[in-house]
């Protein structure tokens, strides 16, 4: 993996460890989702946030819902759907 990213992102990714958060609030999950959707962080930070959602919402397939909603819904017409972060988390 290290050959596909720069050294700083590789090190950040190595230290990010996704974990289950017992008390993850709806607001916190929305903030994580917004951070991912806006892609404002580094590659490793966005990957970490996505990993947290995937870990805390097992079987929800958050990455498909965020990036490929047409696959998640099984409907090609959903490709350009514009959902709020609250709708994604819900």
PDB file of N, CA and C in Angstrom:
ATOM      1  N   UNK A   1       0.810  -1.186   0.000  1.00  0.00           N
ATOM      2  CA  UNK A   1       0.000   0.000   0.000  1.00  0.00           C
ATOM      3  C   UNK A   1       0.860   1.260   0.000  1.00  0.00           C
ATOM      4  N   UNK A   2       1.994   1.219   0.645  1.00  0.00           N
ATOM      5  CA  UNK A   2       2.810   2.423   0.775  1.00  0.00           C
ATOM      6  C   UNK A   2       3.230   2.999  -0.569  1.00  0.00           C
ATOM      7  N   UNK A   3       3.272   2.190  -1.613  1.00  0.00           N
ATOM      8  CA  UNK A   3       3.680   2.716  -2.922  1.00  0.00           C
ATOM      9  C   UNK A   3       2.565   3.494  -3.614  1.00  0.00           C
ATOM     10  N   UNK A   4       1.342   3.445  -3.085  1.00  0.00           N
ATOM     11  CA  UNK A   4       0.207   4.131  -3.701  1.00  0.00           C
ATOM     12  C   UNK A   4      -0.155   5.441  -3.015  1.00  0.00           C
ATOM     13  N   UNK A   5       0.606   5.851  -2.038  1.00  0.00           N
ATOM     14  CA  UNK A   5       0.329   7.089  -1.310  1.00  0.00           C
ATOM     15  C   UNK A   5       1.645   7.684  -0.846  1.00  0.00           C
ATOM     16  N   UNK A   6       1.617   8.943  -0.444  1.00  0.00           N
ATOM     17  CA  UNK A   6       2.858   9.543   0.039  1.00  0.00           C
ATOM     18  C   UNK A   6       3.151   9.068   1.468  1.00  0.00           C
ATOM     19  N   UNK A   7       4.362   9.291   1.926  1.00  0.00           N
ATOM     20  CA  UNK A   7       4.814   8.779   3.222  1.00  0.00           C
ATOM     21  C   UNK A   7       3.969   9.319   4.374  1.00  0.00           C
ATOM     22  N   UNK A   8       3.606  10.598   4.327  1.00  0.00           N
ATOM     23  CA  UNK A   8       2.825  11.188   5.416  1.00  0.00           C
ATOM     24  C   UNK A   8       1.453  10.520   5.538  1.00  0.00           C
ATOM     25  N   UNK A   9       0.773  10.327   4.427  1.00  0.00           N
ATOM     26  CA  UNK A   9      -0.525   9.653   4.469  1.00  0.00           C
ATOM     27  C   UNK A   9      -0.389   8.200   4.892  1.00  0.00           C
ATOM     28  N   UNK A  10       0.668   7.538   4.467  1.00  0.00           N
ATOM     29  CA  UNK A  10       0.891   6.154   4.861  1.00  0.00           C
ATOM     30  C   UNK A  10       1.048   6.042   6.381  1.00  0.00           C
ATOM     31  N   UNK A  11       1.830   6.919   6.967  1.00  0.00           N
ATOM     32  CA  UNK A  11       2.050   6.889   8.415  1.00  0.00           C
ATOM     33  C   UNK A  11       0.763   7.223   9.162  1.00  0.00           C
ATOM     34  N   UNK A  12       0.033   8.252   8.695  1.00  0.00           N
ATOM     35  CA  UNK A  12      -1.235   8.608   9.340  1.00  0.00           C
ATOM     36  C   UNK A  12      -2.204   7.437   9.291  1.00  0.00           C
ATOM     37  N   UNK A  13      -2.274   6.752   8.155  1.00  0.00           N
ATOM     38  CA  UNK A  13      -3.167   5.608   8.016  1.00  0.00           C
ATOM     39  C   UNK A  13      -2.766   4.483   8.967  1.00  0.00           C
ATOM     40  N   UNK A  14      -1.497   4.271   9.115  1.00  0.00           N
ATOM     41  CA  UNK A  14      -1.021   3.213   9.999  1.00  0.00           C
ATOM     42  C   UNK A  14      -1.405   3.461  11.456  1.00  0.00           C
ATOM     43  N   UNK A  15      -1.485   4.717  11.861  1.00  0.00           N
ATOM     44  CA  UNK A  15      -1.808   5.038  13.246  1.00  0.00           C
ATOM     45  C   UNK A  15      -3.305   5.175  13.501  1.00  0.00           C
ATOM     46  N   UNK A  16      -4.095   5.380  12.468  1.00  0.00           N
ATOM     47  CA  UNK A  16      -5.549   5.449  12.637  1.00  0.00           C
ATOM     48  C   UNK A  16      -6.083   4.033  12.825  1.00  0.00           C
ATOM     49  N   UNK A  17      -6.753   3.808  13.924  1.00  0.00           N
ATOM     50  CA  UNK A  17      -7.357   2.508  14.180  1.00  0.00           C
ATOM     51  C   UNK A  17      -8.848   2.710  14.426  1.00  0.00           C
ATOM     52  N   UNK A  18      -9.673   2.208  13.505  1.00  0.00           N
ATOM     53  CA  UNK A  18     -11.105   2.331  13.666  1.00  0.00           C
ATOM     54  C   UNK A  18     -11.553   1.489  14.847  1.00  0.00           C
ATOM     55  N   UNK A  19     -12.532   1.983  15.584  1.00  0.00           N
ATOM     56  CA  UNK A  19     -13.051   1.211  16.704  1.00  0.00           C
ATOM     57  C   UNK A  19     -14.542   1.479  16.833  1.00  0.00           C
ATOM     58  N   UNK A  20     -15.213   0.576  17.514  1.00  0.00           N
ATOM     59  CA  UNK A  20     -16.626   0.747  17.774  1.00  0.00           C
ATOM     60  C   UNK A  20     -16.782   1.756  18.906  1.00  0.00           C
ATOM     61  N   UNK A  21     -17.657   2.723  18.720  1.00  0.00           N
ATOM     62  CA  UNK A  21     -17.902   3.760  19.719  1.00  0.00           C
ATOM     63  C   UNK A  21     -19.291   3.515  20.296  1.00  0.00           C
ATOM     64  N   UNK A  22     -19.350   3.104  21.562  1.00  0.00           N
ATOM     65  CA  UNK A  22     -20.621   2.754  22.199  1.00  0.00           C
ATOM     66  C   UNK A  22     -21.632   3.884  22.185  1.00  0.00           C
ATOM     67  N   UNK A  23     -21.157   5.100  22.333  1.00  0.00           N
ATOM     68  CA  UNK A  23     -22.078   6.230  22.477  1.00  0.00           C
ATOM     69  C   UNK A  23     -21.973   7.219  21.307  1.00  0.00           C
ATOM     70  N   UNK A  24     -21.764   6.711  20.107  1.00  0.00           N
ATOM     71  CA  UNK A  24     -21.681   7.575  18.936  1.00  0.00           C
ATOM     72  C   UNK A  24     -23.048   8.222  18.708  1.00  0.00           C
ATOM     73  N   UNK A  25     -23.099   9.522  18.806  1.00  0.00           N
ATOM     74  CA  UNK A  25     -24.366  10.234  18.665  1.00  0.00           C
ATOM     75  C   UNK A  25     -24.722  10.408  17.192  1.00  0.00           C
ATOM     76  N   UNK A  26     -25.995  10.697  16.965  1.00  0.00           N
ATOM     77  CA  UNK A  26     -26.464  10.971  15.608  1.00  0.00           C
ATOM     78  C   UNK A  26     -25.714  12.167  15.044  1.00  0.00           C
ATOM     79  N   UNK A  27     -25.526  13.201  15.865  1.00  0.00           N
ATOM     80  CA  UNK A  27     -24.832  14.408  15.430  1.00  0.00           C
ATOM     81  C   UNK A  27     -23.377  14.110  15.059  1.00  0.00           C
ATOM     82  N   UNK A  28     -22.716  13.280  15.846  1.00  0.00           N
ATOM     83  CA  UNK A  28     -21.325  12.922  15.557  1.00  0.00           C
ATOM     84  C   UNK A  28     -21.240  12.113  14.261  1.00  0.00           C
ATOM     85  N   UNK A  29     -22.182  11.195  14.058  1.00  0.00           N
ATOM     86  CA  UNK A  29     -22.203  10.410  12.829  1.00  0.00           C
ATOM     87  C   UNK A  29     -22.462  11.319  11.621  1.00  0.00           C
ATOM     88  N   UNK A  30     -23.319  12.322  11.802  1.00  0.00           N
ATOM     89  CA  UNK A  30     -23.577  13.286  10.721  1.00  0.00           C
ATOM     90  C   UNK A  30     -22.315  14.099  10.424  1.00  0.00           C
ATOM     91  N   UNK A  31     -21.588  14.495  11.466  1.00  0.00           N
ATOM     92  CA  UNK A  31     -20.350  15.260  11.274  1.00  0.00           C
ATOM     93  C   UNK A  31     -19.316  14.422  10.532  1.00  0.00           C
ATOM     94  N   UNK A  32     -19.179  13.143  10.876  1.00  0.00           N
ATOM     95  CA  UNK A  32     -18.264  12.250  10.158  1.00  0.00           C
ATOM     96  C   UNK A  32     -18.662  12.138   8.689  1.00  0.00           C
ATOM     97  N   UNK A  33     -19.955  11.974   8.457  1.00  0.00           N
ATOM     98  CA  UNK A  33     -20.457  11.835   7.095  1.00  0.00           C
ATOM     99  C   UNK A  33     -20.208  13.107   6.288  1.00  0.00           C
ATOM    100  N   UNK A  34     -20.441  14.259   6.898  1.00  0.00           N
ATOM    101  CA  UNK A  34     -20.195  15.521   6.205  1.00  0.00           C
ATOM    102  C   UNK A  34     -18.714  15.678   5.864  1.00  0.00           C
ATOM    103  N   UNK A  35     -17.845  15.305   6.804  1.00  0.00           N
ATOM    104  CA  UNK A  35     -16.400  15.365   6.578  1.00  0.00           C
ATOM    105  C   UNK A  35     -16.012  14.495   5.382  1.00  0.00           C
ATOM    106  N   UNK A  36     -16.598  13.300   5.309  1.00  0.00           N
ATOM    107  CA  UNK A  36     -16.304  12.392   4.195  1.00  0.00           C
ATOM    108  C   UNK A  36     -16.830  12.969   2.885  1.00  0.00           C
ATOM    109  N   UNK A  37     -18.057  13.441   2.895  1.00  0.00           N
ATOM    110  CA  UNK A  37     -18.686  13.960   1.667  1.00  0.00           C
ATOM    111  C   UNK A  37     -17.957  15.167   1.108  1.00  0.00           C
ATOM    112  N   UNK A  38     -17.436  16.017   1.981  1.00  0.00           N
ATOM    113  CA  UNK A  38     -16.748  17.222   1.520  1.00  0.00           C
ATOM    114  C   UNK A  38     -15.298  16.952   1.123  1.00  0.00           C
ATOM    115  N   UNK A  39     -14.755  15.801   1.519  1.00  0.00           N
ATOM    116  CA  UNK A  39     -13.365  15.423   1.205  1.00  0.00           C
ATOM    117  C   UNK A  39     -12.388  16.551   1.537  1.00  0.00           C
ATOM    118  N   UNK A  40     -12.569  17.151   2.703  1.00  0.00           N
ATOM    119  CA  UNK A  40     -11.706  18.267   3.094  1.00  0.00           C
ATOM    120  C   UNK A  40     -10.425  17.821   3.782  1.00  0.00           C
ATOM    121  N   UNK A  41     -10.391  16.617   4.279  1.00  0.00           N
ATOM    122  CA  UNK A  41      -9.216  16.140   5.000  1.00  0.00           C
ATOM    123  C   UNK A  41      -8.249  15.423   4.084  1.00  0.00           C
ATOM    124  N   UNK A  42      -7.208  14.904   4.690  1.00  0.00           N
ATOM    125  CA  UNK A  42      -6.249  14.107   3.935  1.00  0.00           C
ATOM    126  C   UNK A  42      -6.889  12.773   3.563  1.00  0.00           C
ATOM    127  N   UNK A  43      -6.258  12.087   2.665  1.00  0.00           N
ATOM    128  CA  UNK A  43      -6.758  10.771   2.253  1.00  0.00           C
ATOM    129  C   UNK A  43      -6.882   9.835   3.456  1.00  0.00           C
ATOM    130  N   UNK A  44      -5.901   9.853   4.328  1.00  0.00           N
ATOM    131  CA  UNK A  44      -5.945   8.963   5.486  1.00  0.00           C
ATOM    132  C   UNK A  44      -7.023   9.385   6.476  1.00  0.00           C
ATOM    133  N   UNK A  45      -7.261  10.696   6.643  1.00  0.00           N
ATOM    134  CA  UNK A  45      -8.300  11.167   7.556  1.00  0.00           C
ATOM    135  C   UNK A  45      -9.688  10.794   7.044  1.00  0.00           C
ATOM    136  N   UNK A  46      -9.912  10.967   5.755  1.00  0.00           N
ATOM    137  CA  UNK A  46     -11.201  10.592   5.173  1.00  0.00           C
ATOM    138  C   UNK A  46     -11.382   9.073   5.276  1.00  0.00           C
ATOM    139  N   UNK A  47     -10.318   8.327   5.014  1.00  0.00           N
ATOM    140  CA  UNK A  47     -10.375   6.870   5.152  1.00  0.00           C
ATOM    141  C   UNK A  47     -10.670   6.440   6.574  1.00  0.00           C
ATOM    142  N   UNK A  48     -10.081   7.131   7.534  1.00  0.00           N
ATOM    143  CA  UNK A  48     -10.330   6.839   8.949  1.00  0.00           C
ATOM    144  C   UNK A  48     -11.785   7.119   9.302  1.00  0.00           C
ATOM    145  N   UNK A  49     -12.308   8.265   8.866  1.00  0.00           N
ATOM    146  CA  UNK A  49     -13.702   8.618   9.158  1.00  0.00           C
ATOM    147  C   UNK A  49     -14.647   7.590   8.535  1.00  0.00           C
ATOM    148  N   UNK A  50     -14.369   7.187   7.311  1.00  0.00           N
ATOM    149  CA  UNK A  50     -15.204   6.185   6.656  1.00  0.00           C
ATOM    150  C   UNK A  50     -15.119   4.855   7.398  1.00  0.00           C
ATOM    151  N   UNK A  51     -13.922   4.494   7.845  1.00  0.00           N
ATOM    152  CA  UNK A  51     -13.747   3.268   8.631  1.00  0.00           C
ATOM    153  C   UNK A  51     -14.536   3.307   9.931  1.00  0.00           C
ATOM    154  N   UNK A  52     -14.578   4.481  10.576  1.00  0.00           N
ATOM    155  CA  UNK A  52     -15.378   4.610  11.799  1.00  0.00           C
ATOM    156  C   UNK A  52     -16.858   4.371  11.508  1.00  0.00           C
ATOM    157  N   UNK A  53     -17.354   4.947  10.425  1.00  0.00           N
ATOM    158  CA  UNK A  53     -18.761   4.713  10.072  1.00  0.00           C
ATOM    159  C   UNK A  53     -19.008   3.240   9.758  1.00  0.00           C
ATOM    160  N   UNK A  54     -18.108   2.644   8.980  1.00  0.00           N
ATOM    161  CA  UNK A  54     -18.269   1.236   8.616  1.00  0.00           C
ATOM    162  C   UNK A  54     -18.231   0.335   9.847  1.00  0.00           C
ATOM    163  N   UNK A  55     -17.371   0.663  10.819  1.00  0.00           N
ATOM    164  CA  UNK A  55     -17.262  -0.133  12.039  1.00  0.00           C
ATOM    165  C   UNK A  55     -18.484   0.042  12.927  1.00  0.00           C
ATOM    166  N   UNK A  56     -18.974   1.259  13.027  1.00  0.00           N
ATOM    167  CA  UNK A  56     -20.081   1.544  13.929  1.00  0.00           C
ATOM    168  C   UNK A  56     -21.452   1.261  13.324  1.00  0.00           C
ATOM    169  N   UNK A  57     -21.519   1.139  12.017  1.00  0.00           N
ATOM    170  CA  UNK A  57     -22.765   0.791  11.335  1.00  0.00           C
ATOM    171  C   UNK A  57     -22.497  -0.411  10.437  1.00  0.00           C
ATOM    172  N   UNK A  58     -22.135  -1.500  11.063  1.00  0.00           N
ATOM    173  CA  UNK A  58     -21.835  -2.728  10.324  1.00  0.00           C
ATOM    174  C   UNK A  58     -23.040  -3.118   9.476  1.00  0.00           C
ATOM    175  N   UNK A  59     -22.792  -3.644   8.325  1.00  0.00           N
ATOM    176  CA  UNK A  59     -23.810  -4.081   7.371  1.00  0.00           C
ATOM    177  C   UNK A  59     -24.564  -2.925   6.707  1.00  0.00           C
ATOM    178  N   UNK A  60     -24.221  -1.677   7.024  1.00  0.00           N
ATOM    179  CA  UNK A  60     -24.892  -0.539   6.390  1.00  0.00           C
ATOM    180  C   UNK A  60     -24.249  -0.188   5.058  1.00  0.00           C
ATOM    181  N   UNK A  61     -22.994  -0.577   4.879  1.00  0.00           N
ATOM    182  CA  UNK A  61     -22.247  -0.295   3.649  1.00  0.00           C
ATOM    183  C   UNK A  61     -22.234   1.204   3.355  1.00  0.00           C
ATOM    184  N   UNK A  62     -21.720   1.963   4.321  1.00  0.00           N
ATOM    185  CA  UNK A  62     -21.713   3.425   4.254  1.00  0.00           C
ATOM    186  C   UNK A  62     -20.996   3.961   3.021  1.00  0.00           C
ATOM    187  N   UNK A  63     -19.902   3.335   2.627  1.00  0.00           N
ATOM    188  CA  UNK A  63     -19.151   3.866   1.479  1.00  0.00           C
ATOM    189  C   UNK A  63     -19.993   3.829   0.203  1.00  0.00           C
ATOM    190  N   UNK A  64     -20.746   2.743  -0.019  1.00  0.00           N
ATOM    191  CA  UNK A  64     -21.608   2.691  -1.198  1.00  0.00           C
ATOM    192  C   UNK A  64     -22.712   3.736  -1.115  1.00  0.00           C
ATOM    193  N   UNK A  65     -23.308   3.896   0.067  1.00  0.00           N
ATOM    194  CA  UNK A  65     -24.379   4.875   0.212  1.00  0.00           C
ATOM    195  C   UNK A  65     -23.878   6.288  -0.074  1.00  0.00           C
ATOM    196  N   UNK A  66     -22.674   6.601   0.376  1.00  0.00           N
ATOM    197  CA  UNK A  66     -22.117   7.937   0.176  1.00  0.00           C
ATOM    198  C   UNK A  66     -21.632   8.136  -1.261  1.00  0.00           C
ATOM    199  N   UNK A  67     -20.846   7.202  -1.775  1.00  0.00           N
ATOM    200  CA  UNK A  67     -20.181   7.388  -3.062  1.00  0.00           C
ATOM    201  C   UNK A  67     -20.918   6.777  -4.253  1.00  0.00           C
ATOM    202  N   UNK A  68     -21.671   5.714  -4.038  1.00  0.00           N
ATOM    203  CA  UNK A  68     -22.368   5.018  -5.113  1.00  0.00           C
ATOM    204  C   UNK A  68     -23.803   4.705  -4.687  1.00  0.00           C
ATOM    205  N   UNK A  69     -24.618   5.734  -4.493  1.00  0.00           N
ATOM    206  CA  UNK A  69     -25.985   5.480  -4.010  1.00  0.00           C
ATOM    207  C   UNK A  69     -26.804   4.610  -4.956  1.00  0.00           C
ATOM    208  N   UNK A  70     -26.506   4.655  -6.244  1.00  0.00           N
ATOM    209  CA  UNK A  70     -27.253   3.815  -7.184  1.00  0.00           C
ATOM    210  C   UNK A  70     -26.999   2.333  -6.932  1.00  0.00           C
ATOM    211  N   UNK A  71     -25.807   1.999  -6.475  1.00  0.00           N
ATOM    212  CA  UNK A  71     -25.493   0.612  -6.118  1.00  0.00           C
ATOM    213  C   UNK A  71     -26.167   0.246  -4.800  1.00  0.00           C
ATOM    214  N   UNK A  72     -26.108   1.156  -3.840  1.00  0.00           N
ATOM    215  CA  UNK A  72     -26.683   0.893  -2.514  1.00  0.00           C
ATOM    216  C   UNK A  72     -28.184   0.661  -2.619  1.00  0.00           C
ATOM    217  N   UNK A  73     -28.872   1.522  -3.391  1.00  0.00           N
ATOM    218  CA  UNK A  73     -30.317   1.395  -3.544  1.00  0.00           C
ATOM    219  C   UNK A  73     -30.714   0.374  -4.611  1.00  0.00           C
ATOM    220  N   UNK A  74     -29.742  -0.031  -5.453  1.00  0.00           N
ATOM    221  CA  UNK A  74     -30.047  -0.949  -6.538  1.00  0.00           C
ATOM    222  C   UNK A  74     -30.916  -0.292  -7.598  1.00  0.00           C
ATOM    223  N   UNK A  75     -30.709   1.009  -7.803  1.00  0.00           N
ATOM    224  CA  UNK A  75     -31.527   1.782  -8.739  1.00  0.00           C
ATOM    225  C   UNK A  75     -30.635   2.772  -9.475  1.00  0.00           C
ATOM    226  N   UNK A  76     -30.417   2.587 -10.780  1.00  0.00           N
ATOM    227  CA  UNK A  76     -29.526   3.479 -11.531  1.00  0.00           C
ATOM    228  C   UNK A  76     -29.965   4.945 -11.498  1.00  0.00           C
ATOM    229  N   UNK A  77     -31.246   5.189 -11.275  1.00  0.00           N
ATOM    230  CA  UNK A  77     -31.739   6.567 -11.212  1.00  0.00           C
ATOM    231  C   UNK A  77     -31.257   7.306  -9.962  1.00  0.00           C
ATOM    232  N   UNK A  78     -30.702   6.589  -9.000  1.00  0.00           N
ATOM    233  CA  UNK A  78     -30.227   7.204  -7.756  1.00  0.00           C
ATOM    234  C   UNK A  78     -28.786   7.707  -7.865  1.00  0.00           C
ATOM    235  N   UNK A  79     -28.171   7.596  -9.037  1.00  0.00           N
ATOM    236  CA  UNK A  79     -26.778   7.999  -9.217  1.00  0.00           C
ATOM    237  C   UNK A  79     -26.535   9.442  -8.786  1.00  0.00           C
ATOM    238  N   UNK A  80     -27.425  10.323  -9.137  1.00  0.00           N
ATOM    239  CA  UNK A  80     -27.219  11.743  -8.851  1.00  0.00           C
ATOM    240  C   UNK A  80     -28.134  12.254  -7.741  1.00  0.00           C
ATOM    241  N   UNK A  81     -28.563  11.374  -6.865  1.00  0.00           N
ATOM    242  CA  UNK A  81     -29.414  11.771  -5.752  1.00  0.00           C
ATOM    243  C   UNK A  81     -28.629  12.695  -4.816  1.00  0.00           C
ATOM    244  N   UNK A  82     -29.288  13.696  -4.299  1.00  0.00           N
ATOM    245  CA  UNK A  82     -28.636  14.661  -3.417  1.00  0.00           C
ATOM    246  C   UNK A  82     -29.229  14.510  -2.017  1.00  0.00           C
ATOM    247  N   UNK A  83     -28.588  13.668  -1.186  1.00  0.00           N
ATOM    248  CA  UNK A  83     -29.072  13.436   0.178  1.00  0.00           C
ATOM    249  C   UNK A  83     -28.265  14.284   1.162  1.00  0.00           C
ATOM    250  N   UNK A  84     -28.933  14.739   2.191  1.00  0.00           N
ATOM    251  CA  UNK A  84     -28.240  15.454   3.261  1.00  0.00           C
ATOM    252  C   UNK A  84     -27.477  14.421   4.095  1.00  0.00           C
ATOM    253  N   UNK A  85     -26.543  14.910   4.913  1.00  0.00           N
ATOM    254  CA  UNK A  85     -25.801  13.985   5.785  1.00  0.00           C
ATOM    255  C   UNK A  85     -26.748  13.322   6.779  1.00  0.00           C
ATOM    256  N   UNK A  86     -27.760  14.044   7.242  1.00  0.00           N
ATOM    257  CA  UNK A  86     -28.732  13.454   8.167  1.00  0.00           C
ATOM    258  C   UNK A  86     -29.505  12.331   7.493  1.00  0.00           C
ATOM    259  N   UNK A  87     -29.840  12.484   6.223  1.00  0.00           N
ATOM    260  CA  UNK A  87     -30.549  11.433   5.493  1.00  0.00           C
ATOM    261  C   UNK A  87     -29.647  10.229   5.289  1.00  0.00           C
ATOM    262  N   UNK A  88     -28.388  10.450   5.026  1.00  0.00           N
ATOM    263  CA  UNK A  88     -27.440   9.345   4.849  1.00  0.00           C
ATOM    264  C   UNK A  88     -27.307   8.553   6.147  1.00  0.00           C
ATOM    265  N   UNK A  89     -27.132   9.240   7.244  1.00  0.00           N
ATOM    266  CA  UNK A  89     -26.968   8.564   8.535  1.00  0.00           C
ATOM    267  C   UNK A  89     -28.248   7.833   8.935  1.00  0.00           C
ATOM    268  N   UNK A  90     -29.391   8.488   8.693  1.00  0.00           N
ATOM    269  CA  UNK A  90     -30.675   7.862   9.046  1.00  0.00           C
ATOM    270  C   UNK A  90     -30.877   6.584   8.234  1.00  0.00           C
TER     271      UNK A  90
END
